[in-house]
């Protein structure tokens, strides 16, 4: 986010030279606040390092990488193509053999039918996760998107 914010500040500064100092000051404030939030989130996510999860779709790969979580597999193996019965059965078998997958990170816009079946057969929890700002009412900003995801995991 800091890289994106810096790029925006630099572009606005080049387009509006008279207000360049304002853009730079706002960027510096944002970066300081964002860096503080990253530290808070990192602390909250420490217990999840190494935790194995299932995703419906590869929506949270960067999140998993940042917080050192392990992806076991996805319910939807090919983006945009619903999972086959064969894939769901294979996934249930894989989850049972892994024995450490503790949750399904499910975005809020895909059908939960397959996730519910997998959850019922493996006893792992489904967590509805916002995939983008405004995907859930509490995820109404970039900060609250991360707060919502992290708070959901920490319940």
C-alpha atoms as a PDB file:
ATOM      1  CA  UNK A   1       0.000   0.000   0.000  1.00  0.00           C
ATOM      2  CA  UNK A   2       2.847   2.385   0.756  1.00  0.00           C
ATOM      3  CA  UNK A   3       4.294   1.856  -2.717  1.00  0.00           C
ATOM      4  CA  UNK A   4       0.912   2.574  -4.315  1.00  0.00           C
ATOM      5  CA  UNK A   5       0.396   5.626  -2.117  1.00  0.00           C
ATOM      6  CA  UNK A   6       3.864   6.939  -3.002  1.00  0.00           C
ATOM      7  CA  UNK A   7       3.180   6.489  -6.726  1.00  0.00           C
ATOM      8  CA  UNK A   8      -0.107   8.366  -6.394  1.00  0.00           C
ATOM      9  CA  UNK A   9       1.523  11.181  -4.408  1.00  0.00           C
ATOM     10  CA  UNK A  10       4.340  11.477  -6.953  1.00  0.00           C
ATOM     11  CA  UNK A  11       1.926  11.574  -9.893  1.00  0.00           C
ATOM     12  CA  UNK A  12      -0.319  14.144  -8.249  1.00  0.00           C
ATOM     13  CA  UNK A  13       2.743  16.233  -7.386  1.00  0.00           C
ATOM     14  CA  UNK A  14       3.877  16.196 -11.006  1.00  0.00           C
ATOM     15  CA  UNK A  15       0.405  17.221 -12.201  1.00  0.00           C
ATOM     16  CA  UNK A  16      -0.179  19.821  -9.504  1.00  0.00           C
ATOM     17  CA  UNK A  17       3.238  21.270  -8.670  1.00  0.00           C
ATOM     18  CA  UNK A  18       1.787  24.055  -6.516  1.00  0.00           C
ATOM     19  CA  UNK A  19       0.423  21.482  -4.065  1.00  0.00           C
ATOM     20  CA  UNK A  20       3.287  18.984  -4.248  1.00  0.00           C
ATOM     21  CA  UNK A  21       4.247  19.573  -0.610  1.00  0.00           C
ATOM     22  CA  UNK A  22       0.683  18.761   0.492  1.00  0.00           C
ATOM     23  CA  UNK A  23       0.733  15.474  -1.406  1.00  0.00           C
ATOM     24  CA  UNK A  24       4.120  14.562   0.040  1.00  0.00           C
ATOM     25  CA  UNK A  25       3.012  15.463   3.580  1.00  0.00           C
ATOM     26  CA  UNK A  26      -0.166  13.389   3.195  1.00  0.00           C
ATOM     27  CA  UNK A  27       1.854  10.472   1.868  1.00  0.00           C
ATOM     28  CA  UNK A  28       4.280  10.639   4.807  1.00  0.00           C
ATOM     29  CA  UNK A  29       1.361  10.675   7.248  1.00  0.00           C
ATOM     30  CA  UNK A  30      -0.293   7.735   5.483  1.00  0.00           C
ATOM     31  CA  UNK A  31       2.951   5.728   5.393  1.00  0.00           C
ATOM     32  CA  UNK A  32       3.602   6.255   9.096  1.00  0.00           C
ATOM     33  CA  UNK A  33       0.045   5.202  10.008  1.00  0.00           C
ATOM     34  CA  UNK A  34       0.110   2.238   7.611  1.00  0.00           C
ATOM     35  CA  UNK A  35       3.463   1.002   8.932  1.00  0.00           C
ATOM     36  CA  UNK A  36       2.052   1.127  12.468  1.00  0.00           C
ATOM     37  CA  UNK A  37      -1.003  -0.878  11.373  1.00  0.00           C
ATOM     38  CA  UNK A  38       1.238  -3.464   9.711  1.00  0.00           C
ATOM     39  CA  UNK A  39       3.028  -3.993  13.025  1.00  0.00           C
ATOM     40  CA  UNK A  40      -0.267  -4.413  14.890  1.00  0.00           C
ATOM     41  CA  UNK A  41      -1.584  -6.857  12.294  1.00  0.00           C
ATOM     42  CA  UNK A  42       1.679  -8.830  12.290  1.00  0.00           C
ATOM     43  CA  UNK A  43       1.407  -9.274  16.043  1.00  0.00           C
ATOM     44  CA  UNK A  44      -2.216 -10.428  15.781  1.00  0.00           C
ATOM     45  CA  UNK A  45      -1.281 -12.908  13.034  1.00  0.00           C
ATOM     46  CA  UNK A  46       1.722 -14.516  14.787  1.00  0.00           C
ATOM     47  CA  UNK A  47      -0.387 -17.417  16.104  1.00  0.00           C
ATOM     48  CA  UNK A  48      -1.331 -18.268  12.504  1.00  0.00           C
ATOM     49  CA  UNK A  49       2.203 -18.786  11.190  1.00  0.00           C
ATOM     50  CA  UNK A  50       2.318 -22.254   9.635  1.00  0.00           C
ATOM     51  CA  UNK A  51      -1.445 -22.769   9.923  1.00  0.00           C
ATOM     52  CA  UNK A  52      -2.816 -24.735   6.978  1.00  0.00           C
ATOM     53  CA  UNK A  53      -5.930 -23.439   5.254  1.00  0.00           C
ATOM     54  CA  UNK A  54      -8.207 -24.095   2.321  1.00  0.00           C
ATOM     55  CA  UNK A  55      -9.377 -21.254   0.102  1.00  0.00           C
ATOM     56  CA  UNK A  56     -12.423 -21.305  -2.119  1.00  0.00           C
ATOM     57  CA  UNK A  57     -10.503 -19.448  -4.775  1.00  0.00           C
ATOM     58  CA  UNK A  58      -6.965 -18.061  -4.739  1.00  0.00           C
ATOM     59  CA  UNK A  59      -8.149 -14.713  -3.399  1.00  0.00           C
ATOM     60  CA  UNK A  60      -5.897 -14.496  -0.349  1.00  0.00           C
ATOM     61  CA  UNK A  61      -2.515 -15.725  -1.615  1.00  0.00           C
ATOM     62  CA  UNK A  62      -0.677 -12.501  -0.772  1.00  0.00           C
ATOM     63  CA  UNK A  63      -2.271 -12.449   2.675  1.00  0.00           C
ATOM     64  CA  UNK A  64      -1.233 -16.059   3.310  1.00  0.00           C
ATOM     65  CA  UNK A  65       2.313 -15.356   2.164  1.00  0.00           C
ATOM     66  CA  UNK A  66       2.659 -12.212   4.291  1.00  0.00           C
ATOM     67  CA  UNK A  67       1.517 -14.006   7.439  1.00  0.00           C
ATOM     68  CA  UNK A  68       3.274 -17.317   6.675  1.00  0.00           C
ATOM     69  CA  UNK A  69       0.125 -19.408   6.473  1.00  0.00           C
ATOM     70  CA  UNK A  70       0.101 -22.548   4.337  1.00  0.00           C
ATOM     71  CA  UNK A  71      -2.362 -23.180   1.533  1.00  0.00           C
ATOM     72  CA  UNK A  72      -3.427 -26.827   1.412  1.00  0.00           C
ATOM     73  CA  UNK A  73      -5.604 -26.397  -1.687  1.00  0.00           C
ATOM     74  CA  UNK A  74      -8.512 -24.519  -3.219  1.00  0.00           C
ATOM     75  CA  UNK A  75     -12.110 -25.602  -3.593  1.00  0.00           C
ATOM     76  CA  UNK A  76     -12.258 -23.982  -7.038  1.00  0.00           C
ATOM     77  CA  UNK A  77      -9.174 -25.360  -8.816  1.00  0.00           C
ATOM     78  CA  UNK A  78      -9.626 -23.286 -11.981  1.00  0.00           C
ATOM     79  CA  UNK A  79     -10.782 -19.676 -11.576  1.00  0.00           C
ATOM     80  CA  UNK A  80     -14.367 -19.277 -12.746  1.00  0.00           C
ATOM     81  CA  UNK A  81     -14.997 -23.023 -13.059  1.00  0.00           C
ATOM     82  CA  UNK A  82     -17.055 -24.634 -10.287  1.00  0.00           C
ATOM     83  CA  UNK A  83     -15.399 -27.595  -8.570  1.00  0.00           C
ATOM     84  CA  UNK A  84     -16.254 -31.059  -9.805  1.00  0.00           C
ATOM     85  CA  UNK A  85     -17.524 -33.800  -7.500  1.00  0.00           C
ATOM     86  CA  UNK A  86     -14.244 -35.629  -8.091  1.00  0.00           C
ATOM     87  CA  UNK A  87     -12.223 -32.591  -6.978  1.00  0.00           C
ATOM     88  CA  UNK A  88     -14.358 -32.135  -3.848  1.00  0.00           C
ATOM     89  CA  UNK A  89     -13.890 -35.804  -2.883  1.00  0.00           C
ATOM     90  CA  UNK A  90     -10.129 -35.537  -3.496  1.00  0.00           C
ATOM     91  CA  UNK A  91     -10.032 -32.366  -1.416  1.00  0.00           C
ATOM     92  CA  UNK A  92     -11.899 -33.993   1.483  1.00  0.00           C
ATOM     93  CA  UNK A  93      -9.414 -36.882   1.399  1.00  0.00           C
ATOM     94  CA  UNK A  94      -6.490 -34.454   1.291  1.00  0.00           C
ATOM     95  CA  UNK A  95      -7.840 -32.415   4.214  1.00  0.00           C
ATOM     96  CA  UNK A  96      -8.329 -35.537   6.301  1.00  0.00           C
ATOM     97  CA  UNK A  97      -4.781 -36.685   5.550  1.00  0.00           C
ATOM     98  CA  UNK A  98      -3.279 -33.243   6.307  1.00  0.00           C
ATOM     99  CA  UNK A  99      -5.085 -33.185   9.686  1.00  0.00           C
ATOM    100  CA  UNK A 100      -3.826 -29.659  10.243  1.00  0.00           C
ATOM    101  CA  UNK A 101      -6.096 -27.655   7.970  1.00  0.00           C
ATOM    102  CA  UNK A 102      -8.176 -25.712  10.443  1.00  0.00           C
ATOM    103  CA  UNK A 103     -10.354 -23.524   8.283  1.00  0.00           C
ATOM    104  CA  UNK A 104     -11.765 -22.683   4.897  1.00  0.00           C
ATOM    105  CA  UNK A 105     -11.166 -19.065   3.919  1.00  0.00           C
ATOM    106  CA  UNK A 106     -14.226 -18.409   1.781  1.00  0.00           C
ATOM    107  CA  UNK A 107     -14.796 -15.179  -0.114  1.00  0.00           C
ATOM    108  CA  UNK A 108     -18.262 -13.762   0.297  1.00  0.00           C
ATOM    109  CA  UNK A 109     -19.313 -13.777  -3.352  1.00  0.00           C
ATOM    110  CA  UNK A 110     -18.997 -17.489  -4.209  1.00  0.00           C
ATOM    111  CA  UNK A 111     -21.629 -20.107  -3.452  1.00  0.00           C
ATOM    112  CA  UNK A 112     -20.941 -21.899  -0.149  1.00  0.00           C
ATOM    113  CA  UNK A 113     -22.451 -25.269  -1.144  1.00  0.00           C
ATOM    114  CA  UNK A 114     -19.129 -27.055  -1.752  1.00  0.00           C
ATOM    115  CA  UNK A 115     -17.533 -25.447   1.301  1.00  0.00           C
ATOM    116  CA  UNK A 116     -20.448 -26.581   3.490  1.00  0.00           C
ATOM    117  CA  UNK A 117     -20.083 -30.165   2.252  1.00  0.00           C
ATOM    118  CA  UNK A 118     -16.327 -30.131   2.842  1.00  0.00           C
ATOM    119  CA  UNK A 119     -16.810 -28.599   6.283  1.00  0.00           C
ATOM    120  CA  UNK A 120     -19.416 -31.217   7.209  1.00  0.00           C
ATOM    121  CA  UNK A 121     -17.144 -34.079   6.112  1.00  0.00           C
ATOM    122  CA  UNK A 122     -13.942 -32.731   7.718  1.00  0.00           C
ATOM    123  CA  UNK A 123     -15.174 -30.692  10.687  1.00  0.00           C
ATOM    124  CA  UNK A 124     -13.202 -27.614   9.668  1.00  0.00           C
ATOM    125  CA  UNK A 125     -14.691 -24.163  10.050  1.00  0.00           C
ATOM    126  CA  UNK A 126     -15.744 -21.894   7.175  1.00  0.00           C
ATOM    127  CA  UNK A 127     -14.703 -18.271   7.584  1.00  0.00           C
ATOM    128  CA  UNK A 128     -16.431 -15.721   5.340  1.00  0.00           C
ATOM    129  CA  UNK A 129     -13.755 -13.282   4.277  1.00  0.00           C
ATOM    130  CA  UNK A 130     -14.191 -10.003   2.445  1.00  0.00           C
ATOM    131  CA  UNK A 131     -12.175 -10.103  -0.754  1.00  0.00           C
ATOM    132  CA  UNK A 132     -12.286  -6.360  -1.381  1.00  0.00           C
ATOM    133  CA  UNK A 133     -13.295  -3.064   0.162  1.00  0.00           C
ATOM    134  CA  UNK A 134     -17.086  -3.025   0.676  1.00  0.00           C
ATOM    135  CA  UNK A 135     -17.455  -6.787   0.180  1.00  0.00           C
ATOM    136  CA  UNK A 136     -18.824  -6.743   3.738  1.00  0.00           C
ATOM    137  CA  UNK A 137     -20.206  -3.686   5.518  1.00  0.00           C
ATOM    138  CA  UNK A 138     -17.405  -3.692   8.097  1.00  0.00           C
ATOM    139  CA  UNK A 139     -14.766  -3.754   5.320  1.00  0.00           C
ATOM    140  CA  UNK A 140     -15.539  -0.215   4.197  1.00  0.00           C
ATOM    141  CA  UNK A 141     -11.920   0.974   3.790  1.00  0.00           C
ATOM    142  CA  UNK A 142      -8.580  -0.637   3.032  1.00  0.00           C
ATOM    143  CA  UNK A 143      -7.709  -0.544   6.736  1.00  0.00           C
ATOM    144  CA  UNK A 144     -11.033  -2.084   7.714  1.00  0.00           C
ATOM    145  CA  UNK A 145     -10.667  -4.743   5.018  1.00  0.00           C
ATOM    146  CA  UNK A 146      -7.534  -5.988   6.768  1.00  0.00           C
ATOM    147  CA  UNK A 147      -9.095  -5.497  10.215  1.00  0.00           C
ATOM    148  CA  UNK A 148     -12.095  -7.555   9.131  1.00  0.00           C
ATOM    149  CA  UNK A 149     -10.008 -10.426   7.767  1.00  0.00           C
ATOM    150  CA  UNK A 150      -7.665 -10.524  10.741  1.00  0.00           C
ATOM    151  CA  UNK A 151     -10.434 -10.096  13.316  1.00  0.00           C
ATOM    152  CA  UNK A 152     -12.411 -12.937  11.673  1.00  0.00           C
ATOM    153  CA  UNK A 153      -9.448 -15.251  12.044  1.00  0.00           C
ATOM    154  CA  UNK A 154      -8.877 -14.232  15.664  1.00  0.00           C
ATOM    155  CA  UNK A 155     -12.454 -15.020  16.792  1.00  0.00           C
END
